[in-house]
Structures are given as structure tokens and as C-alpha cells.
């Protein structure tokens, strides 16, 4: 058997094992098994939290929203809805919707503040301030993009997901993600230019 076929068979086996693990996780969740719920929370909370933190730049709010995502998961499962194939995708999609709703209700202009711990850093205060200012400009510009554009940039650059992982999480094809990412980066460049 050539190396290509061996790799292909190995990849299919890994995919089947992952699918069966995911299906088992989903089935346990649907029965509202406390152990399964705890496992899902432990497995995915940090991903949801980091995703919301990157989009909001507020630790307390990100933690509140991440917790709210898991409450919505339980409510949705109780109503016989919720994730059908991929729990992580459902959680991040729900987090994205909550963050978008939050921005609509509570839009406020971010301010560039000098952090108190700047003295402990190796960069000069002006370099640190410039970096924070640029981060704030980028975050502000990001909020002017569409929810899909915000999500693709957050997943690809904020969370470091691959193109394929992002496509799975957003329930789109990899080529659609490439195009969306290209348009999102172009829109972000325009927005940063307008904000600056």
C-alpha cells in the first residue's frame, strides 16, 4: 500500500473516531447528564471565553457572556434544540451572536489608556502606548464590520484557528472562508484608515 493511501486511511480512522466521540458527547448532553455537562463546560469554556474576550476586550464581560453561552446551551437542549453536529461550533456561534447583540445595545467609544504595569515591560512607555492605541483602533474598527467578518477575523487571527477549523465552526466551505477573510481584511484596513 502506498504512503498516500495509508495516510488517507489513517485520516479517515481519526475522523471516524472523532465523529463517534462527538456523537457520544452530543447524546450525553441531550440526556442532560450532569457529568457530560461538566465535561463539556470544562472542555470548551476557555475557547468561548478567549473568543469573547478578544471581541470585547473586557475580562469581566467576557466571563459573563461565556457563562451565558453555557446557560443558553442547557436551555436549548431542554427545549430539544441545541447543537446537532458540533458543540464547539454551536457555542462559538452563540457567543458571536451575544457579543454582536451587546455591541448593538452598548456601543461606546474605546479609550486608549496607559496600563499601570507598563513600567514592568521591556518596551518604552511610548512604544507600549502606541501598541495599545493601535490595538484599540483595530478593535474599534473591527466593531464596524459585519458579524461574519468579525467572527472570521477573530477565529483566524485572535484564536489562531486554521482555515478548515474556521470553516467548520462557521458552517461554511473553506473557499467561502478565504473570500470572507479577504473581504474582512480589506474592510478592516479601510476602517482603521477612517478611525486613525
C-alpha atoms as a PDB file:
ATOM      1  CA  UNK A   1       0.000   0.000   0.000  1.00  0.00           C
ATOM      2  CA  UNK A   2       1.464   3.335  -0.938  1.00  0.00           C
ATOM      3  CA  UNK A   3       2.037   6.118   1.560  1.00  0.00           C
ATOM      4  CA  UNK A   4      -0.813   8.269   0.223  1.00  0.00           C
ATOM      5  CA  UNK A   5      -3.410   5.530   0.743  1.00  0.00           C
ATOM      6  CA  UNK A   6      -2.024   4.754   4.197  1.00  0.00           C
ATOM      7  CA  UNK A   7      -2.313   8.413   5.177  1.00  0.00           C
ATOM      8  CA  UNK A   8      -5.822   8.589   3.728  1.00  0.00           C
ATOM      9  CA  UNK A   9      -6.944   5.516   5.682  1.00  0.00           C
ATOM     10  CA  UNK A  10      -5.303   6.812   8.849  1.00  0.00           C
ATOM     11  CA  UNK A  11      -7.017  10.191   8.416  1.00  0.00           C
ATOM     12  CA  UNK A  12     -10.419   8.517   7.868  1.00  0.00           C
ATOM     13  CA  UNK A  13      -9.926   6.458  11.043  1.00  0.00           C
ATOM     14  CA  UNK A  14      -9.089   9.587  13.053  1.00  0.00           C
ATOM     15  CA  UNK A  15     -12.105  11.390  11.591  1.00  0.00           C
ATOM     16  CA  UNK A  16     -14.423   8.458  12.434  1.00  0.00           C
ATOM     17  CA  UNK A  17     -13.052   8.259  15.995  1.00  0.00           C
ATOM     18  CA  UNK A  18     -13.570  11.999  16.435  1.00  0.00           C
ATOM     19  CA  UNK A  19     -17.074  11.812  14.987  1.00  0.00           C
ATOM     20  CA  UNK A  20     -18.061   8.970  17.293  1.00  0.00           C
ATOM     21  CA  UNK A  21     -16.616  10.839  20.294  1.00  0.00           C
ATOM     22  CA  UNK A  22     -18.535  13.967  19.288  1.00  0.00           C
ATOM     23  CA  UNK A  23     -21.712  11.948  18.759  1.00  0.00           C
ATOM     24  CA  UNK A  24     -21.328  10.321  22.192  1.00  0.00           C
ATOM     25  CA  UNK A  25     -20.807  13.767  23.725  1.00  0.00           C
ATOM     26  CA  UNK A  26     -23.933  15.092  21.978  1.00  0.00           C
ATOM     27  CA  UNK A  27     -26.031  12.101  23.047  1.00  0.00           C
ATOM     28  CA  UNK A  28     -24.937  12.502  26.679  1.00  0.00           C
ATOM     29  CA  UNK A  29     -25.697  16.220  26.531  1.00  0.00           C
ATOM     30  CA  UNK A  30     -29.189  15.549  25.175  1.00  0.00           C
ATOM     31  CA  UNK A  31     -29.953  13.399  28.235  1.00  0.00           C
ATOM     32  CA  UNK A  32     -28.780  16.314  30.422  1.00  0.00           C
ATOM     33  CA  UNK A  33     -26.282  14.016  32.092  1.00  0.00           C
ATOM     34  CA  UNK A  34     -24.555  16.154  34.784  1.00  0.00           C
ATOM     35  CA  UNK A  35     -21.181  14.516  34.128  1.00  0.00           C
ATOM     36  CA  UNK A  36     -21.448  15.232  30.389  1.00  0.00           C
ATOM     37  CA  UNK A  37     -22.454  18.834  31.050  1.00  0.00           C
ATOM     38  CA  UNK A  38     -19.493  19.279  33.379  1.00  0.00           C
ATOM     39  CA  UNK A  39     -17.125  17.725  30.833  1.00  0.00           C
ATOM     40  CA  UNK A  40     -18.430  19.953  28.038  1.00  0.00           C
ATOM     41  CA  UNK A  41     -18.083  23.034  30.242  1.00  0.00           C
ATOM     42  CA  UNK A  42     -14.513  22.102  31.204  1.00  0.00           C
ATOM     43  CA  UNK A  43     -13.575  21.303  27.609  1.00  0.00           C
ATOM     44  CA  UNK A  44     -14.989  24.394  25.890  1.00  0.00           C
ATOM     45  CA  UNK A  45     -15.224  27.219  28.437  1.00  0.00           C
ATOM     46  CA  UNK A  46     -11.723  28.583  27.771  1.00  0.00           C
ATOM     47  CA  UNK A  47     -12.315  28.636  24.000  1.00  0.00           C
ATOM     48  CA  UNK A  48     -15.583  30.532  24.415  1.00  0.00           C
ATOM     49  CA  UNK A  49     -14.039  32.883  26.983  1.00  0.00           C
ATOM     50  CA  UNK A  50     -11.000  33.694  24.793  1.00  0.00           C
ATOM     51  CA  UNK A  51     -13.272  34.257  21.795  1.00  0.00           C
ATOM     52  CA  UNK A  52     -15.474  36.725  23.697  1.00  0.00           C
ATOM     53  CA  UNK A  53     -12.504  38.401  25.382  1.00  0.00           C
ATOM     54  CA  UNK A  54     -10.881  39.041  22.025  1.00  0.00           C
ATOM     55  CA  UNK A  55     -14.078  40.569  20.668  1.00  0.00           C
ATOM     56  CA  UNK A  56     -14.879  42.631  23.798  1.00  0.00           C
ATOM     57  CA  UNK A  57     -11.536  43.441  25.442  1.00  0.00           C
ATOM     58  CA  UNK A  58     -13.244  43.261  28.861  1.00  0.00           C
ATOM     59  CA  UNK A  59     -12.423  40.285  31.099  1.00  0.00           C
ATOM     60  CA  UNK A  60     -15.484  40.513  33.357  1.00  0.00           C
ATOM     61  CA  UNK A  61     -17.909  40.941  30.495  1.00  0.00           C
ATOM     62  CA  UNK A  62     -16.239  38.136  28.526  1.00  0.00           C
ATOM     63  CA  UNK A  63     -16.600  35.814  31.507  1.00  0.00           C
ATOM     64  CA  UNK A  64     -20.274  36.767  31.944  1.00  0.00           C
ATOM     65  CA  UNK A  65     -21.036  36.187  28.289  1.00  0.00           C
ATOM     66  CA  UNK A  66     -19.122  32.897  28.208  1.00  0.00           C
ATOM     67  CA  UNK A  67     -21.195  31.708  31.173  1.00  0.00           C
ATOM     68  CA  UNK A  68     -24.367  32.903  29.466  1.00  0.00           C
ATOM     69  CA  UNK A  69     -23.465  30.830  26.396  1.00  0.00           C
ATOM     70  CA  UNK A  70     -23.461  27.670  28.515  1.00  0.00           C
ATOM     71  CA  UNK A  71     -26.775  28.611  30.123  1.00  0.00           C
ATOM     72  CA  UNK A  72     -28.241  29.037  26.656  1.00  0.00           C
ATOM     73  CA  UNK A  73     -26.832  25.649  25.707  1.00  0.00           C
ATOM     74  CA  UNK A  74     -28.709  23.994  28.576  1.00  0.00           C
ATOM     75  CA  UNK A  75     -31.920  25.906  27.844  1.00  0.00           C
ATOM     76  CA  UNK A  76     -31.679  24.968  24.201  1.00  0.00           C
ATOM     77  CA  UNK A  77     -31.084  21.280  24.943  1.00  0.00           C
ATOM     78  CA  UNK A  78     -34.035  21.229  27.362  1.00  0.00           C
ATOM     79  CA  UNK A  79     -36.224  22.529  24.513  1.00  0.00           C
ATOM     80  CA  UNK A  80     -34.900  19.725  22.250  1.00  0.00           C
ATOM     81  CA  UNK A  81     -32.894  22.179  20.159  1.00  0.00           C
ATOM     82  CA  UNK A  82     -29.233  22.989  20.509  1.00  0.00           C
ATOM     83  CA  UNK A  83     -26.230  21.601  18.686  1.00  0.00           C
ATOM     84  CA  UNK A  84     -26.889  18.916  16.101  1.00  0.00           C
ATOM     85  CA  UNK A  85     -23.360  18.036  14.960  1.00  0.00           C
ATOM     86  CA  UNK A  86     -20.690  20.165  16.612  1.00  0.00           C
ATOM     87  CA  UNK A  87     -20.890  21.521  20.151  1.00  0.00           C
ATOM     88  CA  UNK A  88     -17.923  23.878  19.829  1.00  0.00           C
ATOM     89  CA  UNK A  89     -19.299  25.397  16.646  1.00  0.00           C
ATOM     90  CA  UNK A  90     -22.675  25.949  18.307  1.00  0.00           C
ATOM     91  CA  UNK A  91     -21.059  27.525  21.387  1.00  0.00           C
ATOM     92  CA  UNK A  92     -18.860  29.937  19.406  1.00  0.00           C
ATOM     93  CA  UNK A  93     -21.710  30.845  17.085  1.00  0.00           C
ATOM     94  CA  UNK A  94     -23.927  31.604  20.090  1.00  0.00           C
ATOM     95  CA  UNK A  95     -21.123  33.645  21.676  1.00  0.00           C
ATOM     96  CA  UNK A  96     -20.746  35.609  18.453  1.00  0.00           C
ATOM     97  CA  UNK A  97     -24.466  36.435  18.409  1.00  0.00           C
ATOM     98  CA  UNK A  98     -24.429  37.536  22.058  1.00  0.00           C
ATOM     99  CA  UNK A  99     -21.365  39.742  21.503  1.00  0.00           C
ATOM    100  CA  UNK A 100     -22.951  41.302  18.418  1.00  0.00           C
ATOM    101  CA  UNK A 101     -26.145  41.998  20.379  1.00  0.00           C
ATOM    102  CA  UNK A 102     -24.078  43.513  23.183  1.00  0.00           C
ATOM    103  CA  UNK A 103     -22.319  45.853  20.744  1.00  0.00           C
ATOM    104  CA  UNK A 104     -25.633  46.964  19.308  1.00  0.00           C
ATOM    105  CA  UNK A 105     -27.013  47.787  22.758  1.00  0.00           C
ATOM    106  CA  UNK A 106     -23.927  49.212  24.442  1.00  0.00           C
ATOM    107  CA  UNK A 107     -21.708  50.755  21.840  1.00  0.00           C
ATOM    108  CA  UNK A 108     -19.163  53.013  23.452  1.00  0.00           C
ATOM    109  CA  UNK A 109     -16.053  54.514  22.010  1.00  0.00           C
ATOM    110  CA  UNK A 110     -12.948  52.753  23.375  1.00  0.00           C
ATOM    111  CA  UNK A 111     -10.347  54.921  25.020  1.00  0.00           C
ATOM    112  CA  UNK A 112      -6.613  54.461  24.871  1.00  0.00           C
ATOM    113  CA  UNK A 113      -5.358  54.225  28.435  1.00  0.00           C
ATOM    114  CA  UNK A 114      -1.839  53.689  29.654  1.00  0.00           C
ATOM    115  CA  UNK A 115      -1.754  50.432  31.661  1.00  0.00           C
ATOM    116  CA  UNK A 116      -0.397  50.648  35.212  1.00  0.00           C
ATOM    117  CA  UNK A 117       2.007  47.750  34.702  1.00  0.00           C
ATOM    118  CA  UNK A 118       3.757  49.469  31.804  1.00  0.00           C
ATOM    119  CA  UNK A 119       6.839  50.125  33.936  1.00  0.00           C
ATOM    120  CA  UNK A 120       7.426  46.374  34.240  1.00  0.00           C
ATOM    121  CA  UNK A 121       7.614  45.916  30.467  1.00  0.00           C
ATOM    122  CA  UNK A 122      10.753  45.958  28.373  1.00  0.00           C
ATOM    123  CA  UNK A 123       9.255  48.384  25.819  1.00  0.00           C
ATOM    124  CA  UNK A 124       9.444  52.082  26.411  1.00  0.00           C
ATOM    125  CA  UNK A 125       6.255  53.738  27.662  1.00  0.00           C
ATOM    126  CA  UNK A 126       5.710  55.444  24.319  1.00  0.00           C
ATOM    127  CA  UNK A 127       6.059  52.134  22.427  1.00  0.00           C
ATOM    128  CA  UNK A 128       3.622  50.451  24.799  1.00  0.00           C
ATOM    129  CA  UNK A 129       1.172  53.340  24.488  1.00  0.00           C
ATOM    130  CA  UNK A 130       1.430  53.261  20.686  1.00  0.00           C
ATOM    131  CA  UNK A 131       0.787  49.500  20.646  1.00  0.00           C
ATOM    132  CA  UNK A 132      -2.225  49.858  22.967  1.00  0.00           C
ATOM    133  CA  UNK A 133      -3.533  52.754  20.900  1.00  0.00           C
ATOM    134  CA  UNK A 134      -3.197  50.708  17.687  1.00  0.00           C
ATOM    135  CA  UNK A 135      -4.923  47.734  19.366  1.00  0.00           C
ATOM    136  CA  UNK A 136      -7.802  49.984  20.421  1.00  0.00           C
ATOM    137  CA  UNK A 137      -8.091  51.465  16.924  1.00  0.00           C
ATOM    138  CA  UNK A 138      -8.175  47.972  15.450  1.00  0.00           C
ATOM    139  CA  UNK A 139     -10.792  46.783  17.946  1.00  0.00           C
ATOM    140  CA  UNK A 140     -12.931  49.845  17.259  1.00  0.00           C
ATOM    141  CA  UNK A 141     -12.622  49.315  13.508  1.00  0.00           C
ATOM    142  CA  UNK A 142     -13.452  45.620  13.959  1.00  0.00           C
ATOM    143  CA  UNK A 143     -16.785  46.581  15.520  1.00  0.00           C
ATOM    144  CA  UNK A 144     -17.806  48.303  12.274  1.00  0.00           C
ATOM    145  CA  UNK A 145     -17.503  45.068  10.278  1.00  0.00           C
ATOM    146  CA  UNK A 146     -20.334  42.613   9.724  1.00  0.00           C
ATOM    147  CA  UNK A 147     -20.770  39.876  12.359  1.00  0.00           C
ATOM    148  CA  UNK A 148     -19.422  37.241   9.918  1.00  0.00           C
ATOM    149  CA  UNK A 149     -16.373  39.383   9.159  1.00  0.00           C
ATOM    150  CA  UNK A 150     -15.739  39.937  12.875  1.00  0.00           C
ATOM    151  CA  UNK A 151     -16.081  36.224  13.555  1.00  0.00           C
ATOM    152  CA  UNK A 152     -13.748  35.100  10.769  1.00  0.00           C
ATOM    153  CA  UNK A 153     -11.021  37.546  11.830  1.00  0.00           C
ATOM    154  CA  UNK A 154     -11.423  36.637  15.495  1.00  0.00           C
ATOM    155  CA  UNK A 155     -11.217  32.911  14.798  1.00  0.00           C
ATOM    156  CA  UNK A 156      -8.358  33.110  12.294  1.00  0.00           C
ATOM    157  CA  UNK A 157      -6.145  35.743  13.936  1.00  0.00           C
ATOM    158  CA  UNK A 158      -7.373  36.137  17.507  1.00  0.00           C
ATOM    159  CA  UNK A 159      -7.819  32.431  18.224  1.00  0.00           C
ATOM    160  CA  UNK A 160      -5.358  31.015  15.684  1.00  0.00           C
ATOM    161  CA  UNK A 161      -7.748  28.530  14.075  1.00  0.00           C
ATOM    162  CA  UNK A 162      -6.845  27.052  10.698  1.00  0.00           C
ATOM    163  CA  UNK A 163      -8.873  27.747   7.589  1.00  0.00           C
ATOM    164  CA  UNK A 164     -10.557  24.329   7.812  1.00  0.00           C
ATOM    165  CA  UNK A 165     -11.352  24.704  11.526  1.00  0.00           C
ATOM    166  CA  UNK A 166     -12.820  28.141  10.904  1.00  0.00           C
ATOM    167  CA  UNK A 167     -14.913  26.769   8.032  1.00  0.00           C
ATOM    168  CA  UNK A 168     -16.268  24.023  10.289  1.00  0.00           C
ATOM    169  CA  UNK A 169     -17.024  26.404  13.144  1.00  0.00           C
ATOM    170  CA  UNK A 170     -18.760  28.889  10.864  1.00  0.00           C
ATOM    171  CA  UNK A 171     -20.529  26.150   8.885  1.00  0.00           C
ATOM    172  CA  UNK A 172     -19.111  27.372   5.579  1.00  0.00           C
ATOM    173  CA  UNK A 173     -16.803  25.943   2.921  1.00  0.00           C
ATOM    174  CA  UNK A 174     -13.059  26.727   3.146  1.00  0.00           C
ATOM    175  CA  UNK A 175     -13.183  28.743  -0.100  1.00  0.00           C
ATOM    176  CA  UNK A 176     -16.035  30.835   1.293  1.00  0.00           C
ATOM    177  CA  UNK A 177     -13.930  31.481   4.425  1.00  0.00           C
ATOM    178  CA  UNK A 178     -10.971  32.574   2.254  1.00  0.00           C
ATOM    179  CA  UNK A 179     -13.174  35.052   0.405  1.00  0.00           C
ATOM    180  CA  UNK A 180     -14.816  36.263   3.620  1.00  0.00           C
ATOM    181  CA  UNK A 181     -11.413  36.715   5.273  1.00  0.00           C
ATOM    182  CA  UNK A 182     -10.109  38.654   2.258  1.00  0.00           C
ATOM    183  CA  UNK A 183     -13.132  40.981   2.291  1.00  0.00           C
ATOM    184  CA  UNK A 184     -12.944  41.347   6.083  1.00  0.00           C
ATOM    185  CA  UNK A 185      -9.265  42.339   5.992  1.00  0.00           C
ATOM    186  CA  UNK A 186      -9.937  44.858   3.226  1.00  0.00           C
ATOM    187  CA  UNK A 187     -12.852  46.326   5.191  1.00  0.00           C
ATOM    188  CA  UNK A 188     -10.743  46.412   8.366  1.00  0.00           C
ATOM    189  CA  UNK A 189      -7.962  48.289   6.557  1.00  0.00           C
ATOM    190  CA  UNK A 190     -10.497  50.854   5.337  1.00  0.00           C
ATOM    191  CA  UNK A 191     -11.997  51.213   8.825  1.00  0.00           C
ATOM    192  CA  UNK A 192      -8.600  51.594  10.523  1.00  0.00           C
ATOM    193  CA  UNK A 193      -7.785  54.325   7.999  1.00  0.00           C
ATOM    194  CA  UNK A 194     -11.045  56.128   8.822  1.00  0.00           C
ATOM    195  CA  UNK A 195     -10.628  55.769  12.591  1.00  0.00           C
ATOM    196  CA  UNK A 196      -6.966  56.835  12.643  1.00  0.00           C
END
